[in-house]
Amino acid sequence: MLGIEYPIIQGAIQWLSRAELVSAVSNAGGLGVISSLTFPTAKELQQEIKKTKSMTDKPFAVNVTMLPILRPVNYEEYFTAAIEEGVNIIETSGRSPEPYMKLLKDAKVKVMHRATRVRDIRTAEQVGVDAVTIVSFEAAGHPGMEDVTSMVRIPIAVDAVKIPVIAAGGIADARGFVAALALGAEGVLMGTRFLASKECNVHPKVKEWVLQLGEADTMMILRSIKNAARVVRTDYTQRVLEMEGKEATLEELLPLISGDKQKAAYISGDVSNAVMTVGQVVGLIHEIASVNEIIEGMIAEAKLIGQRLYNIGIFA
């Protein structure tokens, strides 16, 4: 449906999902995804799309996340910018894409919608999207308020809709990839694994820091404002959690959780004064590899897993 070789999709990481990473994923047979809100204007998004097209002739997508942010955003301008540049795969998230479905369908765009609740992927199917991504509790960023892990979330989501389901959260290698497919997903989305890749434009100190983290080094914050986020456990994020325990208001929390702080950390390598997001799969990541090595390695190992299952009689 998407015209890609492998059902492996790169998660849209704001500020990092730019031409270099996106084109590398697409060139390796997966689907790279540009994060549109990285760019303050739709015109700047168009320039990044042009740059990406100069680096790959393979399909790639643009993500439009419709969550409340501090600056006003005309989402239709971003959708239109992507369409005008010939992007024919759009990922939506944050809220229902229904207001924009006519625009997207008239342009013959394939629409993927990412959500954290089964009821939301059902709604997305009803409004006409072509595929849905279900985000499980293990995921980085905002995995929703329901603490349901991928082993349970994926098959329930698959049973709930008739369109293809993509699994996100808890996947960083061939074992997670094959498991997600066995649970009924038709593809996987990975963010944290591609964060720790050679092509990801983040300071080397951040990548090396990520390699030192284990699966228990994340925590959930922002439940108090119903916008739960999985972040790295640090003195800084503990401070945020303590403020929540004292019933801090959104206005009091905003200076600490500002995305600008995370952007600055990505650039400088100093992670001590920012909320940094990674998934629990960080415990599975032990090297900074190229995107091609990550994807080709996953496919090669997936074939070995299939052979092992065949050898023990699981597959006839």
Protein backbone atom coordinates (compact mmCIF):
# COMPACT_ATOMS: atom_id res chain seq x y z
CA MET A 1 0.00 0.00 0.00
CA LEU A 2 2.83 2.40 0.84
CA GLY A 3 5.22 1.22 -1.86
CA ILE A 4 7.99 0.28 0.60
CA GLU A 5 10.14 -2.84 0.78
CA TYR A 6 9.90 -3.55 4.50
CA PRO A 7 7.02 -2.74 6.90
CA ILE A 8 9.27 -0.62 9.13
CA ILE A 9 8.31 3.01 9.76
CA GLN A 10 10.41 5.68 11.44
CA GLY A 11 8.65 7.55 14.22
CA ALA A 12 8.34 11.30 13.78
CA ILE A 13 10.64 12.83 16.39
CA GLN A 14 10.24 16.59 16.52
CA TRP A 15 13.41 18.50 15.50
CA LEU A 16 15.16 15.25 14.53
CA SER A 17 12.98 13.77 11.78
CA ARG A 18 14.59 15.76 9.01
CA ALA A 19 15.86 14.99 5.52
CA GLU A 20 19.01 13.11 6.55
CA LEU A 21 17.27 10.60 8.81
CA VAL A 22 14.08 10.38 6.75
CA SER A 23 15.89 9.71 3.47
CA ALA A 24 18.17 7.13 5.12
CA VAL A 25 15.17 5.14 6.39
CA SER A 26 13.42 5.26 3.01
CA ASN A 27 16.61 4.36 1.12
CA ALA A 28 17.02 1.34 3.41
CA GLY A 29 13.56 0.05 2.45
CA GLY A 30 11.47 1.47 5.29
CA LEU A 31 9.31 4.57 5.46
CA GLY A 32 10.92 7.77 6.66
CA VAL A 33 8.62 10.37 8.21
CA ILE A 34 9.22 14.13 8.40
CA SER A 35 7.90 15.81 11.55
CA SER A 36 6.09 18.84 10.13
CA LEU A 37 5.89 20.86 13.34
CA THR A 38 9.68 20.93 13.47
CA PHE A 39 9.21 23.83 11.05
CA PRO A 40 7.63 27.11 12.16
CA THR A 41 6.02 27.65 8.75
CA ALA A 42 4.58 25.51 5.99
CA LYS A 43 7.04 27.09 3.56
CA GLU A 44 9.96 25.78 5.63
CA LEU A 45 8.34 22.34 5.61
CA GLN A 46 8.22 22.51 1.82
CA GLN A 47 11.93 23.26 1.70
CA GLU A 48 12.66 20.20 3.86
CA ILE A 49 10.50 18.05 1.59
CA LYS A 50 12.46 19.30 -1.42
CA LYS A 51 15.71 18.46 0.37
CA THR A 52 14.44 14.98 1.24
CA LYS A 53 13.41 14.37 -2.37
CA SER A 54 16.93 15.29 -3.45
CA MET A 55 18.28 12.56 -1.15
CA THR A 56 15.87 9.70 -1.97
CA ASP A 57 13.58 8.60 -4.76
CA LYS A 58 11.75 6.24 -2.40
CA PRO A 59 8.42 6.95 -0.65
CA PHE A 60 8.44 8.99 2.55
CA ALA A 61 5.69 10.52 4.67
CA VAL A 62 4.95 13.74 6.51
CA ASN A 63 3.54 13.69 10.04
CA VAL A 64 1.11 16.38 11.18
CA THR A 65 0.56 16.21 14.94
CA MET A 66 -2.54 18.14 16.00
CA LEU A 67 -1.86 18.58 19.71
CA PRO A 68 -2.23 21.88 21.56
CA ILE A 69 1.03 23.82 21.36
CA LEU A 70 2.06 27.29 22.44
CA ARG A 71 2.09 28.83 18.97
CA PRO A 72 -0.96 29.00 16.68
CA VAL A 73 -0.82 26.50 13.82
CA ASN A 74 -2.83 26.40 10.61
CA TYR A 75 -2.76 22.64 10.03
CA GLU A 76 -4.39 22.90 6.63
CA GLU A 77 -1.38 24.90 5.42
CA TYR A 78 0.92 22.06 6.43
CA PHE A 79 -1.24 19.43 4.74
CA THR A 80 -1.45 21.55 1.60
CA ALA A 81 2.30 22.18 1.59
CA ALA A 82 3.00 18.44 1.70
CA ILE A 83 0.47 17.71 -1.04
CA GLU A 84 1.84 20.44 -3.29
CA GLU A 85 5.32 18.93 -2.96
CA GLY A 86 4.03 15.55 -4.09
CA VAL A 87 4.01 13.74 -0.75
CA ASN A 88 1.40 11.00 -1.04
CA ILE A 89 1.61 9.52 2.47
CA ILE A 90 0.50 11.57 5.48
CA GLU A 91 0.55 10.50 9.11
CA THR A 92 -1.81 12.30 11.48
CA SER A 93 -1.89 12.20 15.27
CA GLY A 94 -3.09 14.18 18.27
CA ARG A 95 -6.74 14.29 17.30
CA SER A 96 -9.08 12.99 14.61
CA PRO A 97 -8.08 13.93 11.06
CA GLU A 98 -11.74 14.08 10.02
CA PRO A 99 -11.75 17.85 9.24
CA TYR A 100 -8.97 17.32 6.70
CA MET A 101 -9.97 13.98 5.16
CA LYS A 102 -11.65 15.50 2.09
CA LEU A 103 -8.53 17.54 1.34
CA LEU A 104 -6.33 14.48 1.70
CA LYS A 105 -8.55 12.07 -0.18
CA ASP A 106 -9.10 14.51 -3.05
CA ALA A 107 -5.31 14.58 -3.37
CA LYS A 108 -5.25 10.75 -3.40
CA VAL A 109 -3.08 10.68 -0.29
CA LYS A 110 -2.70 7.55 1.83
CA VAL A 111 -3.51 8.51 5.42
CA MET A 112 -2.13 6.79 8.51
CA HIS A 113 -3.44 7.86 11.89
CA ARG A 114 -1.55 7.26 15.14
CA ALA A 115 -3.38 6.96 18.46
CA THR A 116 -3.05 5.47 21.93
CA ARG A 117 -6.61 4.20 22.42
CA VAL A 118 -8.53 1.53 20.55
CA ARG A 119 -11.63 3.71 20.41
CA ASP A 120 -9.60 6.36 18.59
CA ILE A 121 -8.34 3.99 15.90
CA ARG A 122 -11.94 2.85 15.39
CA THR A 123 -12.94 6.47 14.85
CA ALA A 124 -10.05 6.95 12.44
CA GLU A 125 -11.21 3.94 10.44
CA GLN A 126 -14.74 5.34 10.32
CA VAL A 127 -13.56 8.69 8.91
CA GLY A 128 -11.65 6.95 6.13
CA VAL A 129 -7.95 6.58 7.01
CA ASP A 130 -6.04 3.81 5.24
CA ALA A 131 -4.08 2.45 8.21
CA VAL A 132 -3.75 3.07 11.93
CA THR A 133 -0.83 2.98 14.35
CA ILE A 134 -1.55 1.88 17.90
CA VAL A 135 0.88 3.19 20.52
CA SER A 136 1.55 0.99 23.55
CA PHE A 137 2.58 1.88 27.10
CA GLU A 138 6.29 1.20 26.50
CA ALA A 139 6.59 3.97 23.92
CA ALA A 140 8.55 7.19 24.23
CA GLY A 141 6.81 10.54 24.26
CA HIS A 142 3.06 10.45 24.86
CA PRO A 143 1.76 6.85 25.10
CA GLY A 144 -1.59 7.90 26.53
CA MET A 145 -3.21 7.46 29.91
CA GLU A 146 -3.98 3.74 29.61
CA ASP A 147 -1.14 1.56 30.91
CA VAL A 148 -1.54 -1.27 28.38
CA THR A 149 1.55 -2.97 26.96
CA SER A 150 2.12 -4.06 23.38
CA MET A 151 1.50 -7.79 23.97
CA VAL A 152 -2.09 -6.97 24.87
CA ARG A 153 -2.65 -3.72 22.98
CA ILE A 154 -1.66 -4.94 19.52
CA PRO A 155 -4.01 -7.94 19.14
CA ILE A 156 -6.92 -6.01 20.66
CA ALA A 157 -6.32 -3.23 18.13
CA VAL A 158 -6.07 -5.72 15.27
CA ASP A 159 -9.41 -7.26 16.29
CA ALA A 160 -11.03 -3.82 16.53
CA VAL A 161 -10.53 -2.60 12.94
CA LYS A 162 -10.45 -4.01 9.42
CA ILE A 163 -7.70 -1.74 8.06
CA PRO A 164 -3.98 -2.44 8.58
CA VAL A 165 -2.58 -1.87 12.06
CA ILE A 166 0.96 -0.65 12.69
CA ALA A 167 2.49 -1.37 16.11
CA ALA A 168 4.43 1.29 18.02
CA GLY A 169 6.11 1.03 21.40
CA GLY A 170 8.39 -1.72 22.69
CA ILE A 171 10.05 -2.48 19.34
CA ALA A 172 13.74 -1.98 18.58
CA ASP A 173 14.99 -5.21 17.02
CA ALA A 174 13.95 -8.25 15.00
CA ARG A 175 12.43 -9.99 18.00
CA GLY A 176 9.99 -7.16 18.62
CA PHE A 177 9.36 -6.84 14.87
CA VAL A 178 8.47 -10.52 14.44
CA ALA A 179 6.42 -10.51 17.66
CA ALA A 180 4.36 -7.54 16.46
CA LEU A 181 3.67 -9.26 13.15
CA ALA A 182 2.73 -12.46 14.98
CA LEU A 183 0.26 -10.46 17.07
CA GLY A 184 -1.45 -9.33 13.87
CA ALA A 185 0.20 -6.00 13.07
CA GLU A 186 1.17 -5.44 9.46
CA GLY A 187 4.06 -3.12 10.25
CA VAL A 188 6.01 -1.50 13.07
CA LEU A 189 6.96 2.05 13.97
CA MET A 190 10.22 2.75 15.82
CA GLY A 191 11.39 6.05 17.28
CA THR A 192 13.98 5.42 19.98
CA ARG A 193 15.97 2.96 17.84
CA PHE A 194 16.36 5.52 15.06
CA LEU A 195 17.23 8.23 17.59
CA ALA A 196 20.34 6.16 18.27
CA SER A 197 21.42 5.98 14.63
CA LYS A 198 24.33 7.57 12.80
CA GLU A 199 22.04 9.62 10.58
CA CYS A 200 20.00 11.15 13.39
CA ASN A 201 21.03 14.79 13.76
CA VAL A 202 21.38 14.86 17.54
CA HIS A 203 24.53 15.71 19.51
CA PRO A 204 26.88 12.70 19.89
CA LYS A 205 26.83 13.14 23.68
CA VAL A 206 23.08 12.47 23.65
CA LYS A 207 23.56 9.28 21.65
CA GLU A 208 26.28 8.05 23.99
CA TRP A 209 24.08 8.91 26.98
CA VAL A 210 21.25 6.88 25.48
CA LEU A 211 23.54 3.84 25.23
CA GLN A 212 24.09 3.98 29.00
CA LEU A 213 20.36 3.80 29.79
CA GLY A 214 18.51 0.63 30.75
CA GLU A 215 14.92 -0.48 30.42
CA ALA A 216 14.13 0.74 33.97
CA ASP A 217 15.55 4.22 33.43
CA THR A 218 12.34 5.80 32.19
CA MET A 219 9.38 7.18 34.10
CA MET A 220 5.96 8.69 33.48
CA ILE A 221 5.22 12.35 34.11
CA LEU A 222 2.39 14.78 33.29
CA ARG A 223 -0.40 12.42 34.32
CA SER A 224 -1.75 15.30 36.42
CA ILE A 225 -2.55 17.27 33.26
CA LYS A 226 -3.79 14.13 31.42
CA ASN A 227 -0.92 14.23 28.94
CA ALA A 228 1.21 11.36 30.26
CA ALA A 229 4.75 11.29 28.90
CA ARG A 230 7.48 8.66 29.09
CA VAL A 231 10.80 10.34 29.79
CA VAL A 232 14.27 9.48 31.07
CA ARG A 233 14.45 9.37 34.87
CA THR A 234 16.74 12.23 35.94
CA ASP A 235 16.92 14.71 38.80
CA TYR A 236 15.21 17.16 36.45
CA THR A 237 12.24 14.92 35.64
CA GLN A 238 11.94 13.91 39.31
CA ARG A 239 11.51 17.61 40.03
CA VAL A 240 8.64 17.77 37.54
CA LEU A 241 7.00 14.76 39.19
CA GLU A 242 7.38 16.32 42.63
CA MET A 243 5.72 19.50 41.39
CA GLU A 244 2.83 17.42 40.07
CA GLY A 245 2.53 15.81 43.48
CA LYS A 246 2.08 19.30 44.90
CA GLU A 247 -0.72 19.96 42.35
CA ALA A 248 1.29 22.35 40.19
CA THR A 249 -0.73 24.02 37.44
CA LEU A 250 0.01 23.72 33.73
CA GLU A 251 1.34 27.28 33.80
CA GLU A 252 3.78 26.32 36.57
CA LEU A 253 4.91 23.17 34.72
CA LEU A 254 5.32 24.72 31.27
CA PRO A 255 8.68 26.40 31.91
CA LEU A 256 10.14 23.02 32.85
CA ILE A 257 8.57 20.87 30.12
CA SER A 258 9.04 23.29 27.24
CA GLY A 259 10.02 21.59 24.02
CA ASP A 260 12.56 24.35 23.44
CA LYS A 261 14.59 22.92 26.31
CA GLN A 262 14.63 19.50 24.67
CA LYS A 263 15.63 21.05 21.35
CA ALA A 264 18.50 22.86 23.06
CA ALA A 265 19.63 19.58 24.64
CA TYR A 266 19.61 17.82 21.27
CA ILE A 267 21.88 20.55 19.92
CA SER A 268 24.23 21.06 22.88
CA GLY A 269 24.40 17.55 24.30
CA ASP A 270 23.60 18.85 27.80
CA VAL A 271 20.62 16.79 29.01
CA SER A 272 20.62 18.05 32.60
CA ASN A 273 18.01 20.77 32.13
CA ALA A 274 15.48 19.18 29.80
CA VAL A 275 12.79 16.52 29.69
CA MET A 276 14.24 13.83 27.40
CA THR A 277 11.98 11.19 25.89
CA VAL A 278 12.94 7.60 25.11
CA GLY A 279 11.03 4.33 25.15
CA GLN A 280 11.68 1.36 27.40
CA VAL A 281 13.39 -0.31 24.44
CA VAL A 282 16.38 1.89 25.22
CA GLY A 283 17.53 -1.12 27.25
CA LEU A 284 17.92 -3.08 24.00
CA ILE A 285 20.12 -0.52 22.26
CA HIS A 286 23.85 -1.07 22.67
CA GLU A 287 25.41 0.58 19.62
CA ILE A 288 25.05 3.55 17.32
CA ALA A 289 24.50 1.93 13.93
CA SER A 290 23.63 3.31 10.54
CA VAL A 291 19.96 3.22 9.54
CA ASN A 292 20.79 0.71 6.82
CA GLU A 293 22.54 -1.55 9.35
CA ILE A 294 19.55 -1.31 11.69
CA ILE A 295 16.97 -2.23 9.06
CA GLU A 296 18.99 -4.85 7.19
CA GLY A 297 20.02 -6.40 10.50
CA MET A 298 16.39 -6.62 11.62
CA ILE A 299 15.31 -8.31 8.39
CA ALA A 300 18.20 -10.79 8.44
CA GLU A 301 17.56 -11.71 12.08
CA ALA A 302 13.80 -11.95 11.46
CA LYS A 303 14.49 -14.62 8.83
CA LEU A 304 16.62 -16.54 11.34
CA ILE A 305 13.79 -16.34 13.88
CA GLY A 306 11.38 -17.71 11.29
CA GLN A 307 13.79 -20.56 10.53
CA ARG A 308 14.15 -21.36 14.23
CA LEU A 309 10.39 -21.54 14.66
CA TYR A 310 10.17 -23.77 11.60
CA ASN A 311 12.88 -26.05 12.97
CA ILE A 312 11.03 -26.61 16.25
CA GLY A 313 7.80 -27.41 14.45
CA ILE A 314 5.86 -24.18 14.98
CA PHE A 315 5.52 -23.69 11.22
CA ALA A 316 4.82 -26.63 8.94
